[in-house]
Amino acid sequence: MPSSRGAGTATRDGRMAATRVFLKIDVDTYRGTRDGVPAMLDDLAAAGVTASFFFTLGPDNSGRAILRVFTKPGFLGKMLRTNAAKMYGVETALYGTLLPAPIIGRRCAAVLARCRAEGHEVGLHAWDHVAWQDRLHRLPRRAVEAQIERGIAAFAAVFGERPRAFAAPAWLATDDALEALDARGFDYLSVSRTVDNGAAAPFYPRVRGRALSTLELPTTLPTLDEDLGRDGITPESYVERLVSRYREGADEVLTVHAETEGLAYRALFQRLLARHRERGIETLPLARLAGEARGRAAVRDVGLGTVPGRSGRVLLALGALPAASA
């Protein structure tokens, strides 16, 4: 059954007025950077739109993620449901274990340079994606800061400047991580999800009783790997089901992945961009939304919880607070 949020009321020609989708592309692996990003750049250029790419720049230790089978309920089911072997490939599954972990920023410098040269926003996703996703809750504050600083240094080595935005791996952030990120002067963060993939405008997170000064842009829509194989959603029906969730006249933040929409499910990404064009839905980078919301956004509490279709907990945007409580 389609989401109750609905697609919004279309005009006579089928176009949805004033709906905007801010497109966030997370890049987790060496293969996703090397092969998925160029494919997505081609597709974005063909559609005439730009997006926000968030890069993992350190070692690709994807092979170590196999331990999630034992630590995260539902992880194996999700891998089977989404045909993860097709998305990631055999080599990726061995990096950091039987094969040495490639340093992504060094090996893919030309791809990263092309991304910015073609007008896309570039930001930091991680130094070591697996370390952040699997061990963040156990890391002391100093180790968290080291992960962030190594990512910042790697980004500066590639792009010649510090990153202006950060998107957390797997939408996971602890209080220590949020405070450490806030202290590093990013223009904005995108580290949280909305409850049940509902609406939440940009906000300032409140952590340990204090409102942070860095704006947060939560992802408002489910991802392909969360939806595929659930509630009757197939590759053939995925795009229409996703677009049906867009709220008329609203701003949505959609996260896609270079490893999925850039590789095994590239045709779905192309179809999604085409549907946006057909229905008059603007596709934009996140920096645009951040610029409009900065200084005017409400304060919200955050906390760890779950979203349908994803194993493990993520950071959720909770109830809005009066501005005076900041």
Foldseek 3Di string as FASTA:
>chain_A
DFDPLFLEDADPLQAFPQAAEAEEAEEAALCLLVFLLVLVVVLCVVLVAAHEYAYAFAWLLQLVCVCCVVVWPPPVVLCVLQVVCQLQPDVSNCDNHVHDTDRRLVVRLVSVVVNVVSPYHYAHAWPYLCCCVPPVVPDDLVVLLVGVVVRQVSCCVRPVHGGQEYEYRPLADDLSNVVSVLVPHHQAYERAAAAQLADDAWAFEQGPQRTGQHIYGYARFDEPSQPRNPPPDHLVCVLVSRSGNGHRSDYHYYYYYSSACSGPVVVSVSVNSVVCVSRVYHYHYCVVSSVVPRPPHFYFYWDWDDYGRDIDIHIYTDDTDHRVSD
